Amino acid sequence: MSSKKNYYKEKLMRRKEEK
């Protein structure tokens, strides 16, 4: 369950770095 929240947070952070 905690892994899913971390997965979303990492995807959002990665998207911000890409822009």
C-alpha atoms as a PDB file:
ATOM      1  CA  MET A   1       0.000   0.000   0.000  1.00  0.00           C
ATOM      2  CA  SER A   2       2.776   2.452   0.889  1.00  0.00           C
ATOM      3  CA  SER A   3       4.604   1.464  -2.294  1.00  0.00           C
ATOM      4  CA  LYS A   4       1.741   2.785  -4.413  1.00  0.00           C
ATOM      5  CA  LYS A   5       1.903   6.203  -2.750  1.00  0.00           C
ATOM      6  CA  ASN A   6       5.671   6.344  -3.237  1.00  0.00           C
ATOM      7  CA  TYR A   7       5.243   5.327  -6.868  1.00  0.00           C
ATOM      8  CA  TYR A   8       2.908   8.242  -7.517  1.00  0.00           C
ATOM      9  CA  LYS A   9       5.166  10.689  -5.693  1.00  0.00           C
ATOM     10  CA  GLU A  10       8.192   9.588  -7.701  1.00  0.00           C
ATOM     11  CA  LYS A  11       6.267   9.885 -10.984  1.00  0.00           C
ATOM     12  CA  LEU A  12       5.134  13.401 -10.117  1.00  0.00           C
ATOM     13  CA  MET A  13       8.641  14.446  -9.059  1.00  0.00           C
ATOM     14  CA  ARG A  14      10.154  12.968 -12.222  1.00  0.00           C
ATOM     15  CA  ARG A  15       7.635  14.813 -14.379  1.00  0.00           C
ATOM     16  CA  LYS A  16       8.573  18.112 -12.720  1.00  0.00           C
ATOM     17  CA  GLU A  17      12.268  17.459 -13.376  1.00  0.00           C
ATOM     18  CA  GLU A  18      11.559  16.623 -17.028  1.00  0.00           C
ATOM     19  CA  LYS A  19       9.920  20.013 -17.622  1.00  0.00           C
END
